[in-house]
Amino acid sequence: MRERLPEYLKRPVIDTDKTRTVRKILKANCLNTVCENARCPNKNECYTKNTATFLIMGNVCTRNCRYCNISCQKPEPLDIEEPKHIAKAVQDLGLKYAVITSVTRDDLPDGGAEHFANCIYEIRNLCPDVKIEILTPDFKNQKESLDTIIKARPDVFNHNIETVRAVFKTARPQGNYDNSLSVLKYIKENSNIKTKSGLMIGLGETFEQIEETLKDLYNVNCDILTIGQYIQPSKEHLPVAKYYKQEEYEQLKRLAKSIGIKHSQIGPLVRSSYNAASLI
């Protein structure tokens, strides 16, 4: 039996002219958002601020992470017009800060790195003053793919570690904890791009294991950290092992600061791109 979601993790449904406008713009440009596909609890709050996190390269994934609501299926071919549609939506929404993420595309030789780069180029062509954050898969730690990203110069490169080493293979059977650290390290050592990573808590990790993960991120010079509560999308996904209390989040904030991480956002409903512009 699934544990009842605590009240402090619930968000009201908001349907206003602003949220409808955002949905209309996304639909007009045939775009997916991680807000909808991953059932983000902050979706409506973000929509009221005229922002959304764009999900590129389709809405099905080649990996089957056990915490994620995005389904694992054979993906469709890339839409080569998608970067232009992303740029147009950024313009129509009047964004000053755009966040782009994707499903994992292990079927593509470069994992979709060039498609990410094309999105960045198109936004810069249409909206040169917009800051751009990308949240990417690990690209199988391929240096050529990471070099493609570096050449495109996003303002922030985000790759989520997602969970602690001890839980990683259970939650992300097709991923690799050390690969994720290597990706962040490579971007930092070969560019001046700010790096960012995040993890979910509540999957059975210990406080000491969280501390170890934060030290691992610090050791690859990760600039920005996010930590939020894992919420089970359905009964088919990994169950929640623990709902953290507010005082424990305060403890984690102190821990991140003591380790030396420069910027962090830590709280029950914090997600990778939540209030992203405030962290740079």
Protein backbone atom coordinates (compact mmCIF):
# COMPACT_ATOMS: atom_id res chain seq x y z
CA MET A 1 0.00 0.00 0.00
CA ARG A 2 1.38 3.40 -1.01
CA GLU A 3 1.96 5.85 1.81
CA ARG A 4 -0.30 8.90 1.69
CA LEU A 5 1.40 12.01 0.32
CA PRO A 6 2.05 14.52 3.13
CA GLU A 7 0.04 17.75 2.87
CA TYR A 8 3.17 19.91 2.51
CA LEU A 9 3.96 18.12 -0.77
CA LYS A 10 0.58 18.82 -2.35
CA ARG A 11 -0.03 21.68 -4.75
CA PRO A 12 -3.40 23.10 -5.80
CA VAL A 13 -4.55 22.98 -9.40
CA ILE A 14 -4.22 26.44 -10.94
CA ASP A 15 -5.96 27.31 -14.18
CA THR A 16 -5.65 30.95 -15.17
CA ASP A 17 -5.27 32.98 -18.33
CA LYS A 18 -1.49 32.78 -17.89
CA THR A 19 -1.35 29.00 -17.53
CA ARG A 20 -3.67 28.61 -20.52
CA THR A 21 -1.47 30.96 -22.56
CA VAL A 22 1.64 28.90 -21.81
CA ARG A 23 -0.14 25.69 -22.81
CA LYS A 24 -1.42 27.32 -25.99
CA ILE A 25 2.07 28.50 -27.01
CA LEU A 26 3.55 25.06 -26.34
CA LYS A 27 0.80 23.36 -28.32
CA ALA A 28 1.12 25.82 -31.22
CA ASN A 29 4.82 24.98 -31.48
CA CYS A 30 4.21 21.20 -31.11
CA LEU A 31 6.43 21.04 -28.03
CA ASN A 32 6.71 18.71 -25.06
CA THR A 33 7.59 19.84 -21.56
CA VAL A 34 9.07 17.87 -18.71
CA CYS A 35 6.51 19.72 -16.58
CA GLU A 36 3.74 17.64 -18.12
CA ASN A 37 5.56 14.42 -18.99
CA ALA A 38 7.24 13.98 -15.59
CA ARG A 39 4.20 15.28 -13.66
CA CYS A 40 6.17 18.02 -11.93
CA PRO A 41 4.37 19.34 -8.80
CA ASN A 42 5.53 22.90 -9.57
CA LYS A 43 4.08 22.95 -13.08
CA ASN A 44 1.27 25.41 -12.51
CA GLU A 45 3.38 27.76 -10.41
CA CYS A 46 5.93 27.92 -13.23
CA TYR A 47 3.26 28.39 -15.87
CA THR A 48 1.92 31.40 -13.99
CA LYS A 49 5.41 32.89 -14.33
CA ASN A 50 5.36 32.26 -18.10
CA THR A 51 8.03 29.59 -17.96
CA ALA A 52 8.37 25.90 -18.69
CA THR A 53 11.15 23.37 -19.12
CA PHE A 54 11.22 22.22 -22.72
CA LEU A 55 11.55 18.48 -23.33
CA ILE A 56 13.25 17.80 -26.66
CA MET A 57 13.82 14.72 -28.83
CA GLY A 58 10.39 13.21 -28.17
CA ASN A 59 8.50 12.10 -25.09
CA VAL A 60 9.66 8.48 -24.81
CA CYS A 61 13.02 7.34 -23.46
CA THR A 62 15.52 4.61 -24.34
CA ARG A 63 16.24 4.01 -20.65
CA ASN A 64 13.91 2.73 -17.98
CA CYS A 65 14.79 4.58 -14.78
CA ARG A 66 12.59 3.25 -12.01
CA TYR A 67 11.62 6.65 -10.58
CA CYS A 68 10.68 8.43 -13.81
CA ASN A 69 7.21 8.86 -15.28
CA ILE A 70 8.47 9.13 -18.87
CA SER A 71 7.87 5.82 -20.63
CA CYS A 72 10.59 3.63 -22.14
CA GLN A 73 9.79 2.81 -25.77
CA LYS A 74 11.35 2.90 -29.22
CA PRO A 75 11.65 6.62 -30.03
CA GLU A 76 10.60 8.41 -33.19
CA PRO A 77 13.18 10.03 -35.52
CA LEU A 78 14.32 13.50 -34.49
CA ASP A 79 12.23 16.47 -35.62
CA ILE A 80 14.79 18.68 -37.32
CA GLU A 81 12.42 21.65 -37.03
CA GLU A 82 12.20 21.32 -33.25
CA PRO A 83 15.08 23.74 -32.46
CA LYS A 84 13.29 26.47 -34.44
CA HIS A 85 10.03 25.72 -32.60
CA ILE A 86 11.82 25.93 -29.25
CA ALA A 87 13.29 29.32 -30.16
CA LYS A 88 9.89 30.61 -31.29
CA ALA A 89 8.27 29.47 -28.03
CA VAL A 90 11.03 31.18 -26.03
CA GLN A 91 10.30 34.37 -27.95
CA ASP A 92 6.50 34.05 -27.63
CA LEU A 93 6.75 33.42 -23.88
CA GLY A 94 9.06 36.39 -23.45
CA LEU A 95 11.57 34.30 -21.52
CA LYS A 96 14.78 35.76 -20.14
CA TYR A 97 15.97 32.31 -19.02
CA ALA A 98 15.24 29.12 -20.95
CA VAL A 99 15.70 25.56 -19.68
CA ILE A 100 15.93 22.67 -22.12
CA THR A 101 16.05 19.01 -21.17
CA SER A 102 15.54 15.77 -23.05
CA VAL A 103 14.75 12.13 -22.89
CA THR A 104 17.77 9.84 -23.17
CA ARG A 105 18.43 8.86 -26.79
CA ASP A 106 20.92 6.01 -26.71
CA ASP A 107 19.75 5.14 -30.23
CA LEU A 108 21.50 8.23 -31.63
CA PRO A 109 25.28 8.06 -32.28
CA ASP A 110 25.89 11.31 -30.36
CA GLY A 111 23.05 10.82 -27.87
CA GLY A 112 21.39 13.95 -29.27
CA ALA A 113 24.20 16.40 -28.45
CA GLU A 114 23.97 18.12 -31.84
CA HIS A 115 20.22 18.54 -31.40
CA PHE A 116 20.82 20.25 -28.05
CA ALA A 117 23.41 22.49 -29.71
CA ASN A 118 21.01 23.38 -32.52
CA CYS A 119 18.39 24.44 -29.95
CA ILE A 120 20.96 26.73 -28.33
CA TYR A 121 21.98 28.23 -31.70
CA GLU A 122 18.37 28.85 -32.75
CA ILE A 123 17.49 30.55 -29.45
CA ARG A 124 20.58 32.74 -29.66
CA ASN A 125 19.71 33.71 -33.25
CA LEU A 126 16.17 34.75 -32.32
CA CYS A 127 16.63 35.89 -28.70
CA PRO A 128 20.33 36.74 -28.20
CA ASP A 129 19.91 38.04 -24.64
CA VAL A 130 18.21 34.92 -23.26
CA LYS A 131 20.29 32.83 -20.87
CA ILE A 132 20.14 29.10 -21.58
CA GLU A 133 20.38 26.15 -19.22
CA ILE A 134 20.43 22.60 -20.54
CA LEU A 135 19.73 19.47 -18.52
CA THR A 136 21.21 16.55 -20.42
CA PRO A 137 21.57 12.78 -20.25
CA ASP A 138 25.09 11.37 -19.85
CA PHE A 139 25.70 10.90 -23.61
CA LYS A 140 27.40 7.63 -22.52
CA ASN A 141 30.26 9.90 -21.42
CA GLN A 142 31.32 10.36 -25.06
CA LYS A 143 33.85 13.19 -25.28
CA GLU A 144 32.80 14.10 -28.84
CA SER A 145 29.24 14.71 -27.66
CA LEU A 146 30.39 16.78 -24.70
CA ASP A 147 32.64 18.82 -27.01
CA THR A 148 29.59 19.56 -29.19
CA ILE A 149 27.82 20.93 -26.10
CA ILE A 150 30.85 22.98 -25.03
CA LYS A 151 31.10 24.55 -28.50
CA ALA A 152 27.44 25.65 -28.26
CA ARG A 153 28.17 27.47 -24.96
CA PRO A 154 25.05 27.13 -22.81
CA ASP A 155 25.14 29.36 -19.75
CA VAL A 156 24.54 26.40 -17.43
CA PHE A 157 25.17 22.70 -18.05
CA ASN A 158 23.06 20.49 -15.79
CA HIS A 159 23.40 16.73 -15.50
CA ASN A 160 21.65 15.13 -12.56
CA ILE A 161 23.41 12.53 -10.44
CA GLU A 162 19.83 11.73 -9.25
CA THR A 163 20.69 9.53 -6.25
CA VAL A 164 23.52 8.23 -4.08
CA ARG A 165 25.97 5.56 -5.23
CA ALA A 166 24.41 2.81 -3.07
CA VAL A 167 20.96 3.31 -4.64
CA PHE A 168 22.08 4.25 -8.15
CA LYS A 169 21.90 0.85 -9.88
CA THR A 170 18.48 0.15 -8.39
CA ALA A 171 17.07 3.48 -9.53
CA ARG A 172 19.03 3.85 -12.78
CA PRO A 173 19.93 0.33 -13.98
CA GLN A 174 21.20 1.58 -17.35
CA GLY A 175 23.18 4.47 -15.91
CA ASN A 176 26.55 4.74 -14.17
CA TYR A 177 27.32 6.90 -11.13
CA ASP A 178 30.96 7.47 -12.09
CA ASN A 179 30.02 8.31 -15.68
CA SER A 180 27.72 11.03 -14.40
CA LEU A 181 30.50 12.52 -12.30
CA SER A 182 32.90 12.29 -15.26
CA VAL A 183 30.49 14.20 -17.49
CA LEU A 184 30.30 17.08 -15.00
CA LYS A 185 34.07 17.02 -14.53
CA TYR A 186 34.79 17.09 -18.28
CA ILE A 187 32.53 20.09 -18.91
CA LYS A 188 34.13 21.99 -16.03
CA GLU A 189 37.71 21.19 -17.02
CA ASN A 190 37.21 22.12 -20.66
CA SER A 191 35.04 25.23 -20.49
CA ASN A 192 33.96 28.13 -18.30
CA ILE A 193 30.34 26.91 -18.35
CA LYS A 194 28.65 26.70 -14.95
CA THR A 195 27.79 23.14 -13.97
CA LYS A 196 24.80 21.94 -12.00
CA SER A 197 23.50 18.66 -10.63
CA GLY A 198 20.65 17.43 -8.49
CA LEU A 199 19.46 14.48 -6.52
CA MET A 200 16.22 13.10 -5.17
CA ILE A 201 16.00 11.94 -1.59
CA GLY A 202 13.61 9.40 -0.13
CA LEU A 203 14.83 6.34 -2.06
CA GLY A 204 16.42 4.62 0.93
CA GLU A 205 19.68 6.55 1.16
CA THR A 206 21.34 7.47 4.45
CA PHE A 207 22.44 10.95 5.50
CA GLU A 208 26.05 9.78 5.29
CA GLN A 209 25.50 8.62 1.71
CA ILE A 210 24.02 12.00 0.79
CA GLU A 211 27.09 13.64 2.31
CA GLU A 212 29.35 11.38 0.23
CA THR A 213 27.47 12.34 -2.95
CA LEU A 214 27.72 16.06 -2.18
CA LYS A 215 31.46 15.67 -1.64
CA ASP A 216 31.73 13.82 -4.97
CA LEU A 217 29.95 16.73 -6.69
CA TYR A 218 32.17 19.25 -4.94
CA ASN A 219 35.27 17.32 -6.05
CA VAL A 220 34.26 17.72 -9.71
CA ASN A 221 33.74 21.45 -9.08
CA CYS A 222 29.97 21.39 -9.52
CA ASP A 223 28.73 24.97 -9.07
CA ILE A 224 25.02 24.48 -8.38
CA LEU A 225 23.13 21.80 -6.43
CA THR A 226 19.45 20.95 -6.14
CA ILE A 227 17.90 18.47 -3.70
CA GLY A 228 14.22 17.57 -3.48
CA GLN A 229 11.88 14.86 -2.25
CA TYR A 230 11.24 11.84 -4.47
CA ILE A 231 7.51 11.40 -5.11
CA GLN A 232 6.38 8.06 -6.53
CA PRO A 233 4.65 8.68 -9.90
CA SER A 234 2.68 5.40 -9.80
CA LYS A 235 2.58 2.06 -8.01
CA GLU A 236 4.81 0.64 -10.77
CA HIS A 237 7.66 2.95 -9.77
CA LEU A 238 10.06 2.69 -6.85
CA PRO A 239 8.25 3.25 -3.54
CA VAL A 240 9.11 6.19 -1.30
CA ALA A 241 11.31 4.95 1.54
CA LYS A 242 11.06 8.19 3.52
CA TYR A 243 9.45 11.63 3.44
CA TYR A 244 11.99 14.10 4.77
CA LYS A 245 10.94 16.76 7.27
CA GLN A 246 11.65 20.47 6.93
CA GLU A 247 14.30 20.43 9.66
CA GLU A 248 16.17 17.76 7.70
CA TYR A 249 16.22 19.99 4.63
CA GLU A 250 17.70 22.75 6.78
CA GLN A 251 20.35 20.28 7.90
CA LEU A 252 21.13 19.46 4.26
CA LYS A 253 21.44 23.16 3.44
CA ARG A 254 24.04 23.52 6.19
CA LEU A 255 25.82 20.41 4.94
CA ALA A 256 26.06 21.69 1.34
CA LYS A 257 27.42 25.01 2.58
CA SER A 258 29.98 23.34 4.85
CA ILE A 259 31.22 21.14 1.98
CA GLY A 260 31.75 24.24 -0.13
CA ILE A 261 29.08 24.02 -2.84
CA LYS A 262 28.60 27.58 -4.11
CA HIS A 263 24.88 27.68 -4.86
CA SER A 264 22.11 25.34 -3.77
CA GLN A 265 18.36 25.05 -3.69
CA ILE A 266 17.15 22.42 -1.23
CA GLY A 267 13.56 21.73 -0.21
CA PRO A 268 10.68 19.26 -0.48
CA LEU A 269 9.41 20.35 -3.90
CA VAL A 270 12.69 21.52 -5.39
CA ARG A 271 13.26 20.09 -8.87
CA SER A 272 16.18 20.48 -11.28
CA SER A 273 14.90 23.54 -13.10
CA TYR A 274 12.71 25.07 -10.40
CA ASN A 275 13.52 28.80 -10.12
CA ALA A 276 16.65 28.01 -12.10
CA ALA A 277 17.41 31.62 -13.04
CA SER A 278 17.81 32.57 -9.37
CA LEU A 279 20.79 30.24 -8.91
CA ILE A 280 23.24 31.79 -11.39
